[in-house]
PDB file of N, CA and C in Angstrom:
ATOM      1  N   MET A   1       0.926  -1.351   0.315  1.00  0.00           N
ATOM      2  CA  MET A   1      -0.395  -0.055   0.376  1.00  0.00           C
ATOM      3  C   MET A   1       0.926   1.092  -0.250  1.00  0.00           C
ATOM      4  N   ALA A   2       0.357   2.105  -0.550  1.00  0.00           N
ATOM      5  CA  ALA A   2       1.641   3.627  -0.930  1.00  0.00           C
ATOM      6  C   ALA A   2       0.571   4.095  -0.105  1.00  0.00           C
ATOM      7  N   PHE A   3       1.333   5.415   0.813  1.00  0.00           N
ATOM      8  CA  PHE A   3       0.988   6.140   1.508  1.00  0.00           C
ATOM      9  C   PHE A   3       1.626   7.427   0.608  1.00  0.00           C
ATOM     10  N   ARG A   4       1.039   8.444   1.092  1.00  0.00           N
ATOM     11  CA  ARG A   4       1.448   9.806   0.819  1.00  0.00           C
ATOM     12  C   ARG A   4       0.753  10.926   1.376  1.00  0.00           C
ATOM     13  N   LEU A   5       1.364  12.075   1.959  1.00  0.00           N
ATOM     14  CA  LEU A   5       1.033  13.443   2.816  1.00  0.00           C
ATOM     15  C   LEU A   5      -0.336  14.040   2.031  1.00  0.00           C
ATOM     16  N   ALA A   6      -1.062  14.659   2.527  1.00  0.00           N
ATOM     17  CA  ALA A   6      -1.803  15.220   1.816  1.00  0.00           C
ATOM     18  C   ALA A   6      -0.809  16.621   1.729  1.00  0.00           C
ATOM     19  N   PRO A   7      -1.179  17.445   0.063  1.00  0.00           N
ATOM     20  CA  PRO A   7      -0.211  18.131   0.154  1.00  0.00           C
ATOM     21  C   PRO A   7      -0.121  19.741   0.976  1.00  0.00           C
ATOM     22  N   THR A   8      -1.232  19.890   1.881  1.00  0.00           N
ATOM     23  CA  THR A   8      -1.096  21.223   2.878  1.00  0.00           C
ATOM     24  C   THR A   8      -0.240  20.693   3.683  1.00  0.00           C
ATOM     25  N   ALA A   9      -0.311  18.867   4.350  1.00  0.00           N
ATOM     26  CA  ALA A   9       0.540  18.603   5.022  1.00  0.00           C
ATOM     27  C   ALA A   9       1.990  18.562   5.053  1.00  0.00           C
ATOM     28  N   ALA A  10       2.377  18.671   3.225  1.00  0.00           N
ATOM     29  CA  ALA A  10       3.606  18.575   2.718  1.00  0.00           C
ATOM     30  C   ALA A  10       4.542  19.865   2.482  1.00  0.00           C
ATOM     31  N   SER A  11       3.361  21.119   2.412  1.00  0.00           N
ATOM     32  CA  SER A  11       3.573  22.400   1.934  1.00  0.00           C
ATOM     33  C   SER A  11       3.656  22.840   3.347  1.00  0.00           C
ATOM     34  N   GLU A  12       3.514  22.222   4.469  1.00  0.00           N
ATOM     35  CA  GLU A  12       3.404  22.673   5.839  1.00  0.00           C
ATOM     36  C   GLU A  12       4.763  22.846   6.846  1.00  0.00           C
ATOM     37  N   GLY A  13       5.828  21.175   5.440  1.00  0.00           N
ATOM     38  CA  GLY A  13       7.233  20.664   6.135  1.00  0.00           C
ATOM     39  C   GLY A  13       7.432  19.451   6.857  1.00  0.00           C
ATOM     40  N   PHE A  14       5.948  18.705   6.756  1.00  0.00           N
ATOM     41  CA  PHE A  14       5.772  17.368   7.196  1.00  0.00           C
ATOM     42  C   PHE A  14       6.215  16.583   6.032  1.00  0.00           C
ATOM     43  N   ARG A  15       7.273  15.037   6.484  1.00  0.00           N
ATOM     44  CA  ARG A  15       7.548  14.180   6.190  1.00  0.00           C
ATOM     45  C   ARG A  15       6.905  12.722   6.697  1.00  0.00           C
ATOM     46  N   LEU A  16       7.020  11.737   5.573  1.00  0.00           N
ATOM     47  CA  LEU A  16       6.612  10.254   5.598  1.00  0.00           C
ATOM     48  C   LEU A  16       7.391   9.693   6.047  1.00  0.00           C
ATOM     49  N   GLU A  17       7.571   8.445   6.678  1.00  0.00           N
ATOM     50  CA  GLU A  17       8.359   7.636   6.645  1.00  0.00           C
ATOM     51  C   GLU A  17       7.425   6.338   6.673  1.00  0.00           C
ATOM     52  N   ALA A  18       7.685   5.425   5.252  1.00  0.00           N
ATOM     53  CA  ALA A  18       6.798   4.236   5.340  1.00  0.00           C
ATOM     54  C   ALA A  18       7.453   3.315   4.991  1.00  0.00           C
ATOM     55  N   HIS A  19       6.948   2.101   5.991  1.00  0.00           N
ATOM     56  CA  HIS A  19       7.365   0.578   6.546  1.00  0.00           C
ATOM     57  C   HIS A  19       6.461  -0.121   5.950  1.00  0.00           C
ATOM     58  N   ASP A  20       7.309  -1.045   5.244  1.00  0.00           N
ATOM     59  CA  ASP A  20       6.297  -2.059   5.219  1.00  0.00           C
ATOM     60  C   ASP A  20       5.457  -3.061   6.244  1.00  0.00           C
ATOM     61  N   SER A  21       7.001  -3.060   7.311  1.00  0.00           N
ATOM     62  CA  SER A  21       6.205  -3.971   8.987  1.00  0.00           C
ATOM     63  C   SER A  21       6.974  -2.732  10.231  1.00  0.00           C
ATOM     64  N   VAL A  22       6.825  -2.452  11.080  1.00  0.00           N
ATOM     65  CA  VAL A  22       7.326  -2.273  12.120  1.00  0.00           C
ATOM     66  C   VAL A  22       7.004  -2.936  13.266  1.00  0.00           C
ATOM     67  N   GLY A  23       7.838  -2.890  14.810  1.00  0.00           N
ATOM     68  CA  GLY A  23       7.140  -3.209  16.061  1.00  0.00           C
ATOM     69  C   GLY A  23       6.522  -2.384  16.761  1.00  0.00           C
ATOM     70  N   SER A  24       6.961  -0.856  16.306  1.00  0.00           N
ATOM     71  CA  SER A  24       5.944   0.046  17.168  1.00  0.00           C
ATOM     72  C   SER A  24       6.828   1.351  16.155  1.00  0.00           C
ATOM     73  N   THR A  25       5.588   2.093  15.975  1.00  0.00           N
ATOM     74  CA  THR A  25       5.659   3.290  15.370  1.00  0.00           C
ATOM     75  C   THR A  25       6.792   4.771  17.027  1.00  0.00           C
ATOM     76  N   ASN A  26       6.014   4.279  17.637  1.00  0.00           N
ATOM     77  CA  ASN A  26       6.156   4.957  18.888  1.00  0.00           C
ATOM     78  C   ASN A  26       7.846   4.837  18.792  1.00  0.00           C
ATOM     79  N   ALA A  27       8.109   3.363  19.094  1.00  0.00           N
ATOM     80  CA  ALA A  27       9.761   3.316  19.121  1.00  0.00           C
ATOM     81  C   ALA A  27      10.703   4.161  18.349  1.00  0.00           C
ATOM     82  N   LEU A  28       9.829   3.947  17.099  1.00  0.00           N
ATOM     83  CA  LEU A  28      10.704   4.517  15.796  1.00  0.00           C
ATOM     84  C   LEU A  28      10.635   5.990  15.344  1.00  0.00           C
ATOM     85  N   ALA A  29       9.799   6.627  16.030  1.00  0.00           N
ATOM     86  CA  ALA A  29       9.533   8.227  16.678  1.00  0.00           C
ATOM     87  C   ALA A  29      10.775   8.715  17.661  1.00  0.00           C
ATOM     88  N   LEU A  30      10.714   7.755  18.394  1.00  0.00           N
ATOM     89  CA  LEU A  30      11.910   7.897  19.521  1.00  0.00           C
ATOM     90  C   LEU A  30      13.115   7.950  19.039  1.00  0.00           C
ATOM     91  N   GLU A  31      13.281   6.945  18.494  1.00  0.00           N
ATOM     92  CA  GLU A  31      14.560   6.974  18.002  1.00  0.00           C
ATOM     93  C   GLU A  31      15.428   8.181  16.873  1.00  0.00           C
ATOM     94  N   HIS A  32      14.365   8.813  16.291  1.00  0.00           N
ATOM     95  CA  HIS A  32      14.505   9.528  15.508  1.00  0.00           C
ATOM     96  C   HIS A  32      14.718  11.375  16.181  1.00  0.00           C
ATOM     97  N   ALA A  33      13.617  11.142  17.546  1.00  0.00           N
ATOM     98  CA  ALA A  33      14.320  11.899  18.402  1.00  0.00           C
ATOM     99  C   ALA A  33      15.138  12.611  18.808  1.00  0.00           C
ATOM    100  N   ARG A  34      15.555  11.014  19.126  1.00  0.00           N
ATOM    101  CA  ARG A  34      17.177  11.487  19.890  1.00  0.00           C
ATOM    102  C   ARG A  34      17.943  11.303  19.205  1.00  0.00           C
ATOM    103  N   ALA A  35      18.185  10.803  17.873  1.00  0.00           N
ATOM    104  CA  ALA A  35      19.256  11.787  17.031  1.00  0.00           C
ATOM    105  C   ALA A  35      18.877  12.944  16.295  1.00  0.00           C
ATOM    106  N   GLY A  36      18.069  13.607  16.995  1.00  0.00           N
ATOM    107  CA  GLY A  36      18.054  14.776  16.277  1.00  0.00           C
ATOM    108  C   GLY A  36      17.130  15.529  15.548  1.00  0.00           C
ATOM    109  N   ASP A  37      16.005  14.762  15.032  1.00  0.00           N
ATOM    110  CA  ASP A  37      14.861  14.680  13.915  1.00  0.00           C
ATOM    111  C   ASP A  37      14.189  15.994  14.667  1.00  0.00           C
ATOM    112  N   SER A  38      13.864  17.195  14.168  1.00  0.00           N
ATOM    113  CA  SER A  38      13.142  18.163  14.791  1.00  0.00           C
ATOM    114  C   SER A  38      11.845  18.055  14.319  1.00  0.00           C
ATOM    115  N   GLY A  39      10.966  16.983  14.354  1.00  0.00           N
ATOM    116  CA  GLY A  39       9.689  16.990  14.347  1.00  0.00           C
ATOM    117  C   GLY A  39       9.509  16.688  13.207  1.00  0.00           C
ATOM    118  N   LYS A  40       7.719  16.425  12.899  1.00  0.00           N
ATOM    119  CA  LYS A  40       6.945  17.089  11.699  1.00  0.00           C
ATOM    120  C   LYS A  40       7.221  15.834  11.144  1.00  0.00           C
ATOM    121  N   LEU A  41       7.739  14.265  11.418  1.00  0.00           N
ATOM    122  CA  LEU A  41       7.432  13.414  10.853  1.00  0.00           C
ATOM    123  C   LEU A  41       6.402  12.305  11.180  1.00  0.00           C
ATOM    124  N   TRP A  42       6.242  11.677  10.033  1.00  0.00           N
ATOM    125  CA  TRP A  42       5.143  10.792  10.240  1.00  0.00           C
ATOM    126  C   TRP A  42       5.518   9.324   9.913  1.00  0.00           C
ATOM    127  N   VAL A  43       5.317   8.001  10.799  1.00  0.00           N
ATOM    128  CA  VAL A  43       6.094   7.413  10.663  1.00  0.00           C
ATOM    129  C   VAL A  43       4.657   6.005  10.510  1.00  0.00           C
TER     130      VAL A  43
END
């Protein structure tokens, strides 16, 4: 299944990270935050 952000979300700087399968989207988001990601990321 393909996902994409709405044009309004993309224009406001949101990013999308799609995976076939993950154990926890919260854990992935936390990894990004700990690595210094500034946010606006949908996993």
